[in-house]
Structures are given as structure tokens and as C-alpha cells.
Amino acid sequence: MMRELPAPPKADELSELIKKKVAEAQTAGGTRETVTVDWNEQKAHVDVIDLPLSKLYFNPSTHRIRAQRSHDASKDAALDQSPWSAESQDYLRFLLQASPTDTNLRDVDFDALKDSLDEFGQNDPGLVTHQGILVNGNTRAAALRELGGQSMRVGVLPESFTWADINAVELSLQLRRDHRRDYSYINRIIAMEEQAALGRTPEQIAKEFRIQVRTYHQERWILATIRELIKRSQDAGGNGLRLVDWEGAQERLKELQRLYVKLETLDRDQAEILKELRLAAILLNFSKTDVRHINEDFLKEGLERRLLSAGPAPEDRPEAKPTGVVIPGLGVEVPAASSAVADMKALNDRLLRAAAVVRSRSEGPDLGNEAKERAQSLLEDAKKTFDNAIEAAGRSARLRKRKQLAPARLAEACASIDQCVSDLVQARTSRSLDEEAFDDAVIKLRGSLLKLAQQAGRGLQDPGDGVAWLMDAVVTEGRQ
């Protein structure tokens, strides 16, 4: 969440330097370079100056790497405690050049930006506070430093700007349609959460992010679900999954939310079971196409029971029957989740904790190689089990599709014939019908119906009314 940050070291000295350079820019002859800043539906035109890169600070509050900060829990905590230390600033530099979806890899977009700066130089100015903290241009500053740059052109925000104003400016710059580099998905929905914490309505936030209100509620549901999963993944030592672990799952999470909302009002237990199953499949990195097979038909065929029976063994604990939940102040007891939902959540909890162990960067006694190997083995076994169940669901889906393909084709043909009736009436009314072409088309229709009747009647001892009519029509046709 957004918070006030302390002033960086030698803030007064740097502030004086910035004031001096701004004054020089204002009094110098020629055209002054300014940049327009939008924030809270207001505009400000601020002067652009040249500042030494070595004196600029990366912004710990930038939304650019908000989720990625969880890459290393100890460094993230140090960043909160000492945001301006050399170690914290170096951690921010590392995150700015890391891939948003996998912070262990270097971001190709960062290298592309670096190459562009090397070839063309800095086109657009960055933006700093009066104390030299970068508000816009953090990534450019990191790239310029790698290139050995000595200075950076930056606009200077008014000294009166609070951290709330600074965050509003950064957000407005990022949400411009022509902005070249978007926030990662998780960072974007975190920014929405922060706007809601400031008291803004869903309608205001949706307008600012240029999305529909229903999309805003979808994103908040997804972030709440991710935070719940992170909490469930934590072990006794506090080790758990990170926000960055869910980068790249955007479309799968959105499809899950749509399915959950559709089913929740019809069958809450079914919705919860499918939610847990899909989240587990996403955690195990199944593709969007595979995850889609986990649907209502998946449960109808009892494939979730296969996962429970072949999944990771339950942890040793006393078995407790689900109990109702009493609403405080009303004395009304609401039924708890069914045992099937509880079992599925327990299975997912074991997978979440195993994934947290595998992805943890800690090397303490509780997370040694042996523990990671056990957790990795559990995940691999679970993936094989899920893979078999999803493959079975896929086969069933393909079989259902084949069963429905012929009737669907015939339904399409009927719709076309109905449209043909309307077109025929209009053509005759306007005396524009090509009767020879129409007659040829009817002959082709007769041939197609004859072939359809031959195939439809094979092996049927007691055909239905439709097939019986079709076969009688063929018999009549043969008599003529």
C-alpha cells in the first residue's frame, strides 16, 4: 500500500541543486523545455533540467515493480526499512531490468529500451521530485546507467507535492494510451486496489484505467483470490508464494472468475470445487486450453474423485466434520462448505505449500535440498494425475463434439433453408429470380438429402420420426 517515505540522504543538498538548475532554466534565454503533468484531473507545466544520474534515486513505490518486489522477501523487507541504502537501490535496479513474469530472467523489453537509448538517446524527459526521487523514468535511468550515461533530462515536480500526488502522477502517465511500456498484470491490479483504498469509487477507477466497471470488479476478485492463495501457501515459518508467481496467469484467472460467477448462484459447492481445481491446474502451469477442460462436465464424469484418490496423501491431522458458521450479531448459522469442497481445498493447500517450498529462495534448515526435492516430487506426481484427468476430459469433450457435429450441421442447413424461403419470396416479388440457377440448386439439395437418408437409416431398427420421414421420402423418390 502507498505510504509516506522518508527523505533520502542529503535531500536538502540535492533539493538546493535542483532549485538552482530550475532557476537557471527559467532565466536562460531561448525556448524553455517543459513537460505537462496530469494528476487528479489537474495539469501542471514543469521545467525540464539535466541532473547527474548518480544523484537520482529509484522510487521504491513505483508500480512498475510492486509485485516483483516479493522476489526476495529479505530484500523486500530491507527495502521497506532503508529504501535509499545502496543495497535497496541495487535491488530496485535488478527488478527494473528483470522479466515481470520471471524475475530470475532478464527482461527483453529492458534490453530493447537500452538499445534504443544507445542508438537514439533520450527522447522524452523523466520526472523527479524536488528531492531527486524518480517518479517516471525509473527503467530509463537503469538502462542509462548500464550504458555509462552521466546525466538524465527530467521534469521537476513542485515541492508542495505529497506522496499521494506523486503516485497519482505516476499512474496518470502510465495509463496514457501512447505509453510505450505497460505495467505488468499484477502491478496493474495492485494499482487499482490502491486507488480504491484512497476512497475512489469503482466507476471512477474504471474510467481512469479505461475499463468497464465489471472488469474492475473482476480484477479485484482475482487479486483477492491471489492474496488468499498466498496466505494458504504459507507454512509455519512464514514461507509462501509471492505475488510475482501469478504473473502470466491473467487469461486463465479471468476465465476462472467468469466460470465461478456463472455457477456460484446455481451451485455454490460446484463453483468452489471447480475454483480449487482450476487454481491447482494454473499453479501446475497447465495451458489455458487444458484448464478449460475443468468444467461442469469434468465433475459430471467424476474426474475430481480421481484427483483426490491419486493426489498427495493428506497430512496427519484429526478429521473434522464441516461445521456451520454463525453470523455475529444475528445468531444465524450458515451451512459450511461440503466435505467435497473441504477435501478439494485440502488437496490444493498441499500443492500450494509444496510450490512455495520449491520456489522459495530461502536456504534455511527447514528449506534445504531434501525438503525441496520432496516438494518437487509431490508437484510432479500431482501434475501427472491432473494431466491424466484433463486428457480424459479432453477425450470426452471431443466425443461429445463429434456426437453433436452432425445435428449442428443439419440445424445450420435448416437455418439457411429458412433464409432461402425469405430470399425466394423477395426475388419473386421483384421479378429478379434466376429460375434456372434455383432449379439447379434444388437438384443438388435432392442429391444431398438422398445421401443423408442412406447414411441416417443404416443400422437403425426403430428410427425416430425425423429419420423415418427422411427414409420414406427416399422411398417415394425411388418410385418416381
Protein backbone atom coordinates (compact mmCIF):
# COMPACT_ATOMS: atom_id res chain seq x y z
CA MET A 1 0.00 0.00 0.00
CA MET A 2 1.04 3.60 -0.58
CA ARG A 3 2.92 5.19 2.30
CA GLU A 4 4.95 8.30 3.02
CA LEU A 5 8.67 7.68 2.51
CA PRO A 6 11.43 9.39 4.48
CA ALA A 7 13.67 11.91 2.74
CA PRO A 8 16.75 10.39 1.08
CA PRO A 9 20.28 11.19 2.34
CA LYS A 10 21.49 14.71 1.58
CA ALA A 11 17.97 15.61 0.47
CA ASP A 12 18.44 19.29 1.35
CA GLU A 13 21.67 19.50 -0.63
CA LEU A 14 20.11 17.84 -3.69
CA SER A 15 16.99 19.98 -3.39
CA GLU A 16 19.12 23.13 -3.48
CA LEU A 17 20.92 21.87 -6.59
CA ILE A 18 17.58 21.19 -8.29
CA LYS A 19 16.21 24.61 -7.35
CA LYS A 20 19.34 26.23 -8.74
CA LYS A 21 19.10 24.37 -12.04
CA VAL A 22 15.37 25.15 -12.38
CA ALA A 23 16.06 28.85 -11.74
CA GLU A 24 18.81 28.80 -14.39
CA ALA A 25 16.44 27.16 -16.88
CA GLN A 26 13.78 29.80 -16.20
CA THR A 27 16.12 32.74 -16.62
CA ALA A 28 18.18 31.43 -19.52
CA GLY A 29 17.45 32.76 -22.97
CA GLY A 30 15.86 30.69 -25.70
CA THR A 31 13.00 28.23 -25.56
CA ARG A 32 12.44 26.54 -22.21
CA GLU A 33 11.72 22.80 -22.21
CA THR A 34 8.74 21.86 -20.09
CA VAL A 35 6.65 18.75 -19.58
CA THR A 36 2.92 18.67 -18.80
CA VAL A 37 1.88 16.62 -15.79
CA ASP A 38 -1.68 15.36 -15.22
CA TRP A 39 -2.85 14.42 -11.76
CA ASN A 40 -6.28 14.32 -10.13
CA GLU A 41 -7.82 15.98 -13.23
CA GLN A 42 -5.41 18.91 -12.96
CA LYS A 43 -2.45 19.97 -15.10
CA ALA A 44 0.95 21.40 -14.26
CA HIS A 45 3.71 22.53 -16.62
CA VAL A 46 7.08 21.79 -15.01
CA ASP A 47 10.57 22.75 -16.14
CA VAL A 48 12.98 20.16 -17.52
CA ILE A 49 16.60 20.19 -16.33
CA ASP A 50 19.65 17.96 -16.64
CA LEU A 51 20.65 16.08 -13.45
CA PRO A 52 23.54 13.69 -12.71
CA LEU A 53 22.36 10.07 -12.83
CA SER A 54 24.42 9.28 -9.75
CA LYS A 55 22.29 11.66 -7.66
CA LEU A 56 18.90 10.25 -8.71
CA TYR A 57 17.07 7.65 -6.63
CA PHE A 58 14.92 4.79 -7.89
CA ASN A 59 11.40 5.07 -6.49
CA PRO A 60 10.56 2.23 -4.06
CA SER A 61 6.84 3.00 -4.52
CA THR A 62 6.78 2.71 -8.30
CA HIS A 63 4.01 0.47 -9.58
CA ARG A 64 6.40 -0.80 -12.21
CA ILE A 65 7.85 -3.46 -9.86
CA ARG A 66 5.32 -3.57 -7.00
CA ALA A 67 4.59 -7.31 -7.37
CA GLN A 68 8.18 -8.15 -8.32
CA ARG A 69 9.47 -6.83 -5.00
CA SER A 70 8.33 -10.13 -3.47
CA HIS A 71 11.09 -11.87 -5.48
CA ASP A 72 13.28 -11.85 -2.35
CA ALA A 73 11.43 -11.46 0.95
CA SER A 74 14.50 -10.35 2.95
CA LYS A 75 15.49 -7.70 0.40
CA ASP A 76 11.87 -6.55 0.19
CA ALA A 77 11.80 -6.08 3.97
CA ALA A 78 15.12 -4.20 3.84
CA LEU A 79 13.67 -2.00 1.12
CA ASP A 80 10.84 -1.02 3.45
CA GLN A 81 13.27 -0.27 6.26
CA SER A 82 16.01 1.52 4.29
CA PRO A 83 14.72 2.45 0.83
CA TRP A 84 17.70 4.71 -0.01
CA SER A 85 20.53 2.40 1.02
CA ALA A 86 22.90 1.17 -1.68
CA GLU A 87 21.63 -2.40 -1.22
CA SER A 88 17.97 -1.40 -1.59
CA GLN A 89 18.63 0.80 -4.60
CA ASP A 90 20.62 -2.02 -6.20
CA TYR A 91 17.68 -4.39 -5.59
CA LEU A 92 15.35 -1.93 -7.33
CA ARG A 93 17.77 -1.69 -10.26
CA PHE A 94 17.79 -5.50 -10.52
CA LEU A 95 13.98 -5.66 -10.53
CA LEU A 96 13.67 -2.92 -13.16
CA GLN A 97 15.72 -4.99 -15.61
CA ALA A 98 14.16 -8.36 -14.68
CA SER A 99 11.32 -10.06 -16.53
CA PRO A 100 7.96 -9.25 -14.87
CA THR A 101 6.78 -12.86 -15.19
CA ASP A 102 10.06 -14.49 -14.10
CA THR A 103 12.35 -12.27 -12.09
CA ASN A 104 15.18 -14.79 -12.46
CA LEU A 105 15.38 -13.79 -16.15
CA ARG A 106 16.39 -10.54 -17.77
CA ASP A 107 13.57 -8.60 -19.48
CA VAL A 108 13.87 -8.47 -23.27
CA ASP A 109 11.89 -5.21 -23.25
CA PHE A 110 14.53 -3.69 -20.98
CA ASP A 111 17.27 -4.63 -23.43
CA ALA A 112 15.20 -3.20 -26.30
CA LEU A 113 14.86 0.08 -24.38
CA LYS A 114 18.58 0.08 -23.67
CA ASP A 115 19.39 -0.42 -27.37
CA SER A 116 17.01 2.40 -28.33
CA LEU A 117 18.64 4.78 -25.82
CA ASP A 118 22.08 3.79 -27.08
CA GLU A 119 21.13 4.48 -30.71
CA PHE A 120 18.81 7.48 -30.45
CA GLY A 121 19.45 8.92 -26.99
CA GLN A 122 16.80 10.05 -24.52
CA ASN A 123 13.77 11.43 -26.37
CA ASP A 124 11.33 12.08 -23.52
CA PRO A 125 12.30 13.53 -20.14
CA GLY A 126 11.79 11.62 -16.94
CA LEU A 127 10.14 13.10 -13.87
CA VAL A 128 11.55 13.59 -10.35
CA THR A 129 10.53 15.03 -7.03
CA HIS A 130 12.33 18.09 -5.66
CA GLN A 131 14.49 15.61 -3.71
CA GLY A 132 15.65 13.69 -6.79
CA ILE A 133 13.37 10.64 -6.49
CA LEU A 134 12.36 9.29 -9.90
CA VAL A 135 8.59 9.32 -10.46
CA ASN A 136 8.68 8.50 -14.15
CA GLY A 137 11.71 7.10 -15.96
CA ASN A 138 12.99 4.57 -13.43
CA THR A 139 13.59 1.97 -16.14
CA ARG A 140 15.23 4.53 -18.43
CA ALA A 141 17.56 5.59 -15.61
CA ALA A 142 18.57 1.95 -15.03
CA ALA A 143 19.25 1.50 -18.75
CA LEU A 144 21.22 4.76 -19.00
CA ARG A 145 23.37 3.72 -16.05
CA GLU A 146 24.18 0.42 -17.77
CA LEU A 147 25.18 2.40 -20.85
CA GLY A 148 27.53 4.52 -18.75
CA GLY A 149 25.40 7.65 -19.01
CA GLN A 150 26.30 10.53 -16.73
CA SER A 151 23.12 12.59 -16.75
CA MET A 152 19.38 12.44 -17.46
CA ARG A 153 16.84 15.04 -18.54
CA VAL A 154 13.99 15.23 -16.02
CA GLY A 155 11.00 17.40 -15.24
CA VAL A 156 10.80 18.55 -11.60
CA LEU A 157 7.55 18.25 -9.67
CA PRO A 158 6.53 21.13 -7.37
CA GLU A 159 7.92 20.95 -3.85
CA SER A 160 4.37 21.01 -2.47
CA PHE A 161 3.54 17.59 -3.98
CA THR A 162 2.70 14.91 -1.41
CA TRP A 163 3.31 11.18 -1.95
CA ALA A 164 -0.37 10.85 -2.83
CA ASP A 165 0.16 13.42 -5.60
CA ILE A 166 3.32 11.65 -6.74
CA ASN A 167 1.54 8.32 -7.03
CA ALA A 168 -1.34 9.96 -8.90
CA VAL A 169 1.11 11.49 -11.38
CA GLU A 170 2.85 8.17 -11.99
CA LEU A 171 -0.48 6.43 -12.53
CA SER A 172 -1.76 9.06 -14.97
CA LEU A 173 1.45 8.83 -17.01
CA GLN A 174 1.26 5.06 -17.13
CA LEU A 175 -2.37 4.98 -18.23
CA ARG A 176 -1.87 7.22 -21.24
CA ARG A 177 -2.79 5.29 -24.36
CA ASP A 178 0.52 6.09 -26.07
CA HIS A 179 2.67 4.91 -23.19
CA ARG A 180 5.25 2.52 -24.53
CA ARG A 181 5.64 0.05 -21.71
CA ASP A 182 2.67 -1.17 -19.70
CA TYR A 183 2.60 -2.25 -16.10
CA SER A 184 2.63 -5.98 -15.66
CA TYR A 185 -0.78 -7.51 -14.93
CA ILE A 186 -0.37 -7.92 -11.16
CA ASN A 187 1.09 -4.42 -10.78
CA ARG A 188 -1.89 -3.01 -12.65
CA ILE A 189 -4.48 -4.60 -10.37
CA ILE A 190 -2.46 -3.60 -7.30
CA ALA A 191 -2.69 -0.01 -8.55
CA MET A 192 -6.48 -0.42 -8.76
CA GLU A 193 -6.55 -1.68 -5.18
CA GLU A 194 -4.60 1.36 -4.01
CA GLN A 195 -6.98 3.71 -5.79
CA ALA A 196 -9.90 2.03 -4.00
CA ALA A 197 -8.07 2.49 -0.67
CA LEU A 198 -7.98 6.22 -1.40
CA GLY A 199 -11.79 6.21 -1.41
CA ARG A 200 -12.39 6.31 -5.15
CA THR A 201 -15.50 4.59 -6.47
CA PRO A 202 -15.42 1.63 -8.87
CA GLU A 203 -16.84 3.89 -11.57
CA GLN A 204 -14.04 6.44 -11.12
CA ILE A 205 -11.33 3.78 -11.11
CA ALA A 206 -12.78 2.02 -14.15
CA LYS A 207 -12.82 5.32 -16.04
CA GLU A 208 -9.23 6.08 -15.06
CA PHE A 209 -8.00 2.65 -16.15
CA ARG A 210 -10.18 2.77 -19.29
CA ILE A 211 -12.04 -0.44 -18.49
CA GLN A 212 -15.65 -1.39 -17.76
CA VAL A 213 -16.88 -1.47 -14.16
CA ARG A 214 -17.49 -5.21 -14.37
CA THR A 215 -13.86 -5.67 -15.44
CA TYR A 216 -12.75 -3.67 -12.41
CA HIS A 217 -14.73 -5.98 -10.10
CA GLN A 218 -13.26 -8.98 -11.91
CA GLU A 219 -9.72 -7.70 -11.32
CA ARG A 220 -10.39 -7.09 -7.62
CA TRP A 221 -11.79 -10.62 -7.29
CA ILE A 222 -8.66 -12.02 -8.88
CA LEU A 223 -6.31 -10.04 -6.62
CA ALA A 224 -8.27 -11.09 -3.52
CA THR A 225 -8.06 -14.72 -4.66
CA ILE A 226 -4.30 -14.45 -5.21
CA ARG A 227 -3.79 -12.94 -1.76
CA GLU A 228 -5.85 -15.76 -0.24
CA LEU A 229 -3.72 -18.35 -2.05
CA ILE A 230 -0.52 -16.72 -0.84
CA LYS A 231 -1.80 -16.88 2.73
CA ARG A 232 -2.83 -20.53 2.33
CA SER A 233 0.59 -21.41 0.91
CA GLN A 234 2.47 -20.18 3.96
CA ASP A 235 3.99 -22.77 6.28
CA ALA A 236 4.77 -22.44 9.96
CA GLY A 237 7.92 -20.49 9.10
CA GLY A 238 6.01 -17.95 7.06
CA ASN A 239 7.38 -19.09 3.71
CA GLY A 240 4.79 -18.79 0.97
CA LEU A 241 4.13 -17.99 -2.65
CA ARG A 242 4.65 -14.45 -3.95
CA LEU A 243 2.55 -12.05 -5.98
CA VAL A 244 5.03 -12.35 -8.83
CA ASP A 245 4.34 -16.10 -9.03
CA TRP A 246 0.94 -15.32 -10.60
CA GLU A 247 2.23 -13.09 -13.39
CA GLY A 248 1.41 -14.71 -16.71
CA ALA A 249 -1.82 -16.33 -15.48
CA GLN A 250 -4.03 -13.37 -16.43
CA GLU A 251 -6.28 -15.03 -19.02
CA ARG A 252 -6.66 -18.28 -17.07
CA LEU A 253 -7.63 -16.35 -13.93
CA LYS A 254 -10.14 -14.25 -15.84
CA GLU A 255 -11.78 -17.34 -17.32
CA LEU A 256 -11.91 -18.88 -13.84
CA GLN A 257 -13.66 -15.79 -12.46
CA ARG A 258 -16.26 -15.85 -15.23
CA LEU A 259 -16.98 -19.55 -14.65
CA TYR A 260 -17.18 -19.06 -10.87
CA VAL A 261 -19.63 -16.15 -11.12
CA LYS A 262 -21.81 -18.12 -13.53
CA LEU A 263 -22.01 -21.18 -11.27
CA GLU A 264 -22.00 -19.56 -7.83
CA THR A 265 -25.70 -18.68 -7.80
CA LEU A 266 -26.68 -22.11 -9.16
CA ASP A 267 -24.50 -24.43 -7.09
CA ARG A 268 -22.02 -22.87 -4.63
CA ASP A 269 -20.26 -26.16 -3.87
CA GLN A 270 -19.76 -26.93 -7.55
CA ALA A 271 -18.38 -23.44 -8.09
CA GLU A 272 -15.95 -23.81 -5.17
CA ILE A 273 -14.74 -27.24 -6.30
CA LEU A 274 -14.11 -26.05 -9.86
CA LYS A 275 -12.38 -22.96 -8.50
CA GLU A 276 -9.97 -25.08 -6.45
CA LEU A 277 -9.37 -27.46 -9.35
CA ARG A 278 -8.63 -24.70 -11.83
CA LEU A 279 -6.38 -22.85 -9.39
CA ALA A 280 -4.41 -26.05 -8.84
CA ALA A 281 -4.11 -26.54 -12.61
CA ILE A 282 -2.91 -22.95 -13.02
CA LEU A 283 -0.40 -23.47 -10.22
CA LEU A 284 0.86 -26.59 -12.03
CA ASN A 285 1.24 -24.44 -15.15
CA PHE A 286 -1.30 -26.13 -17.41
CA SER A 287 -2.20 -24.21 -20.55
CA LYS A 288 -5.39 -22.19 -20.97
CA THR A 289 -6.79 -24.86 -23.31
CA ASP A 290 -6.14 -27.61 -20.76
CA VAL A 291 -7.62 -25.62 -17.87
CA ARG A 292 -10.83 -25.11 -19.86
CA HIS A 293 -11.48 -28.87 -19.72
CA ILE A 294 -12.03 -28.47 -15.95
CA ASN A 295 -15.71 -27.56 -16.17
CA GLU A 296 -19.15 -28.85 -15.22
CA ASP A 297 -18.71 -31.94 -17.40
CA PHE A 298 -15.43 -32.66 -15.58
CA LEU A 299 -17.45 -33.05 -12.37
CA LYS A 300 -20.27 -34.99 -14.03
CA GLU A 301 -17.78 -37.62 -15.07
CA GLY A 302 -16.37 -37.80 -11.54
CA LEU A 303 -12.85 -36.89 -12.60
CA GLU A 304 -12.31 -34.82 -9.46
CA ARG A 305 -12.58 -38.05 -7.42
CA ARG A 306 -9.72 -39.45 -9.45
CA LEU A 307 -7.61 -36.45 -8.44
CA LEU A 308 -8.49 -36.84 -4.77
CA SER A 309 -7.75 -40.56 -4.71
CA ALA A 310 -4.46 -40.25 -6.60
CA GLY A 311 -3.39 -36.85 -5.28
CA PRO A 312 -0.89 -36.12 -2.49
CA ALA A 313 -1.56 -38.01 0.71
CA PRO A 314 -3.36 -35.94 3.33
CA GLU A 315 -1.29 -34.58 6.16
CA ASP A 316 -1.65 -36.20 9.57
CA ARG A 317 -4.37 -34.33 11.36
CA PRO A 318 -7.62 -35.18 13.12
CA GLU A 319 -10.51 -35.37 10.71
CA ALA A 320 -13.14 -32.75 11.46
CA LYS A 321 -16.57 -32.57 10.00
CA PRO A 322 -17.56 -29.24 8.44
CA THR A 323 -19.48 -27.08 10.86
CA GLY A 324 -21.75 -24.13 10.26
CA VAL A 325 -20.66 -20.52 10.62
CA VAL A 326 -22.61 -18.26 12.96
CA ILE A 327 -23.07 -14.68 11.73
CA PRO A 328 -22.09 -12.33 14.60
CA GLY A 329 -24.96 -10.28 15.98
CA LEU A 330 -27.67 -12.26 14.20
CA GLY A 331 -27.24 -15.67 15.73
CA VAL A 332 -27.95 -17.22 12.33
CA GLU A 333 -25.90 -20.24 11.33
CA VAL A 334 -24.87 -20.51 7.69
CA PRO A 335 -24.01 -24.01 6.42
CA ALA A 336 -20.30 -24.58 5.97
CA ALA A 337 -18.72 -25.87 2.78
CA SER A 338 -19.42 -29.51 1.99
CA SER A 339 -16.86 -32.21 2.71
CA ALA A 340 -16.12 -32.41 -1.03
CA VAL A 341 -15.17 -28.72 -1.06
CA ALA A 342 -13.10 -29.15 2.11
CA ASP A 343 -11.27 -32.13 0.61
CA MET A 344 -10.51 -30.22 -2.58
CA LYS A 345 -9.23 -27.22 -0.60
CA ALA A 346 -7.04 -29.51 1.48
CA LEU A 347 -5.56 -31.02 -1.70
CA ASN A 348 -4.90 -27.55 -3.11
CA ASP A 349 -3.36 -26.37 0.17
CA ARG A 350 -0.79 -29.16 -0.01
CA LEU A 351 0.06 -28.21 -3.57
CA LEU A 352 0.31 -24.52 -2.67
CA ARG A 353 2.69 -25.22 0.21
CA ALA A 354 4.78 -27.54 -1.96
CA ALA A 355 5.01 -24.88 -4.69
CA ALA A 356 6.05 -22.32 -2.07
CA VAL A 357 8.88 -24.59 -0.91
CA VAL A 358 10.08 -25.23 -4.47
CA ARG A 359 10.02 -21.54 -5.42
CA SER A 360 11.43 -20.28 -2.13
CA ARG A 361 14.80 -18.54 -2.21
CA SER A 362 15.46 -19.38 1.46
CA GLU A 363 18.18 -21.87 2.28
CA GLY A 364 17.49 -22.35 5.97
CA PRO A 365 17.31 -25.73 7.69
CA ASP A 366 13.58 -26.03 7.04
CA LEU A 367 14.01 -25.43 3.31
CA GLY A 368 17.06 -27.48 2.45
CA ASN A 369 17.57 -29.55 -0.66
CA GLU A 370 15.79 -32.57 0.81
CA ALA A 371 12.61 -30.60 1.55
CA LYS A 372 12.66 -29.04 -1.92
CA GLU A 373 13.12 -32.44 -3.54
CA ARG A 374 10.14 -33.86 -1.64
CA ALA A 375 8.02 -30.86 -2.62
CA GLN A 376 9.14 -31.10 -6.26
CA SER A 377 8.28 -34.80 -6.32
CA LEU A 378 4.82 -34.07 -4.90
CA LEU A 379 4.17 -31.45 -7.59
CA GLU A 380 5.39 -33.73 -10.38
CA ASP A 381 3.12 -36.56 -9.19
CA ALA A 382 0.19 -34.15 -8.95
CA LYS A 383 0.86 -32.85 -12.45
CA LYS A 384 0.81 -36.39 -13.85
CA THR A 385 -2.50 -37.06 -12.10
CA PHE A 386 -4.02 -33.80 -13.35
CA ASP A 387 -2.64 -34.49 -16.81
CA ASN A 388 -4.39 -37.87 -16.95
CA ALA A 389 -7.69 -36.40 -15.72
CA ILE A 390 -7.52 -33.47 -18.14
CA GLU A 391 -6.69 -35.82 -21.02
CA ALA A 392 -9.72 -37.95 -20.13
CA ALA A 393 -11.87 -34.81 -20.01
CA GLY A 394 -10.49 -33.77 -23.39
CA ARG A 395 -11.35 -37.13 -24.93
CA SER A 396 -14.89 -36.90 -23.56
CA ALA A 397 -15.23 -33.34 -24.89
CA ARG A 398 -14.07 -34.41 -28.34
CA LEU A 399 -16.52 -37.33 -28.28
CA ARG A 400 -19.40 -35.00 -27.30
CA LYS A 401 -18.40 -32.65 -30.07
CA ARG A 402 -18.46 -35.46 -32.64
CA LYS A 403 -21.86 -36.57 -31.38
CA GLN A 404 -23.24 -33.07 -31.78
CA LEU A 405 -21.47 -32.20 -35.04
CA ALA A 406 -23.96 -33.82 -37.48
CA PRO A 407 -27.09 -32.41 -35.73
CA ALA A 408 -25.43 -28.98 -35.56
CA ARG A 409 -24.64 -29.06 -39.28
CA LEU A 410 -28.22 -30.01 -40.06
CA ALA A 411 -29.51 -27.19 -37.85
CA GLU A 412 -27.31 -24.75 -39.78
CA ALA A 413 -28.68 -26.12 -43.06
CA CYS A 414 -32.25 -25.62 -41.79
CA ALA A 415 -31.45 -22.02 -40.90
CA SER A 416 -30.06 -21.49 -44.39
CA ILE A 417 -33.18 -23.01 -45.99
CA ASP A 418 -35.42 -20.78 -43.85
CA GLN A 419 -33.43 -17.77 -45.05
CA CYS A 420 -33.71 -19.09 -48.62
CA VAL A 421 -37.53 -19.04 -48.30
CA SER A 422 -37.42 -15.35 -47.43
CA ASP A 423 -34.97 -14.59 -50.24
CA LEU A 424 -37.13 -16.54 -52.71
CA VAL A 425 -40.24 -14.52 -51.82
CA GLN A 426 -38.37 -11.23 -52.20
CA ALA A 427 -36.81 -12.29 -55.53
CA ARG A 428 -40.18 -13.28 -56.99
CA THR A 429 -41.79 -10.08 -55.77
CA SER A 430 -39.14 -8.03 -57.55
CA ARG A 431 -39.11 -10.47 -60.52
CA SER A 432 -35.35 -10.94 -60.14
CA LEU A 433 -35.22 -14.71 -59.53
CA ASP A 434 -32.80 -16.71 -61.66
CA GLU A 435 -35.09 -19.74 -62.05
CA GLU A 436 -32.52 -21.95 -63.82
CA ALA A 437 -29.92 -21.42 -61.12
CA PHE A 438 -32.55 -22.02 -58.44
CA ASP A 439 -33.64 -25.27 -60.14
CA ASP A 440 -30.02 -26.48 -60.28
CA ALA A 441 -29.62 -25.73 -56.57
CA VAL A 442 -32.78 -27.72 -55.73
CA ILE A 443 -31.42 -30.72 -57.68
CA LYS A 444 -28.21 -30.53 -55.59
CA LEU A 445 -30.35 -30.41 -52.46
CA ARG A 446 -32.21 -33.55 -53.57
CA GLY A 447 -28.92 -35.38 -54.07
CA SER A 448 -27.63 -34.30 -50.67
CA LEU A 449 -30.86 -35.44 -48.97
CA LEU A 450 -30.63 -38.84 -50.70
CA LYS A 451 -27.09 -39.34 -49.41
CA LEU A 452 -28.13 -38.19 -45.95
CA ALA A 453 -31.05 -40.65 -45.89
CA GLN A 454 -28.81 -43.56 -46.89
CA GLN A 455 -26.42 -42.88 -44.02
CA ALA A 456 -29.07 -41.95 -41.45
CA GLY A 457 -31.01 -45.20 -41.92
CA ARG A 458 -28.07 -47.57 -41.53
CA GLY A 459 -28.28 -49.89 -38.52
CA LEU A 460 -31.50 -48.37 -37.17
CA GLN A 461 -34.24 -50.88 -36.41
CA ASP A 462 -36.56 -48.31 -34.85
CA PRO A 463 -35.77 -44.87 -36.33
CA GLY A 464 -37.21 -41.71 -34.88
CA ASP A 465 -39.87 -39.60 -36.55
CA GLY A 466 -37.35 -37.39 -38.36
CA VAL A 467 -35.24 -40.20 -39.79
CA ALA A 468 -38.40 -42.23 -40.64
CA TRP A 469 -39.77 -39.28 -42.64
CA LEU A 470 -36.46 -38.88 -44.46
CA MET A 471 -36.35 -42.59 -45.36
CA ASP A 472 -39.99 -42.51 -46.58
CA ALA A 473 -39.10 -39.52 -48.74
CA VAL A 474 -36.27 -41.51 -50.32
CA VAL A 475 -38.60 -44.46 -50.99
CA THR A 476 -41.10 -42.10 -52.60
CA GLU A 477 -38.31 -40.57 -54.65
CA GLY A 478 -37.27 -44.02 -55.84
CA ARG A 479 -40.82 -44.80 -57.07
CA GLN A 480 -40.89 -41.71 -59.28
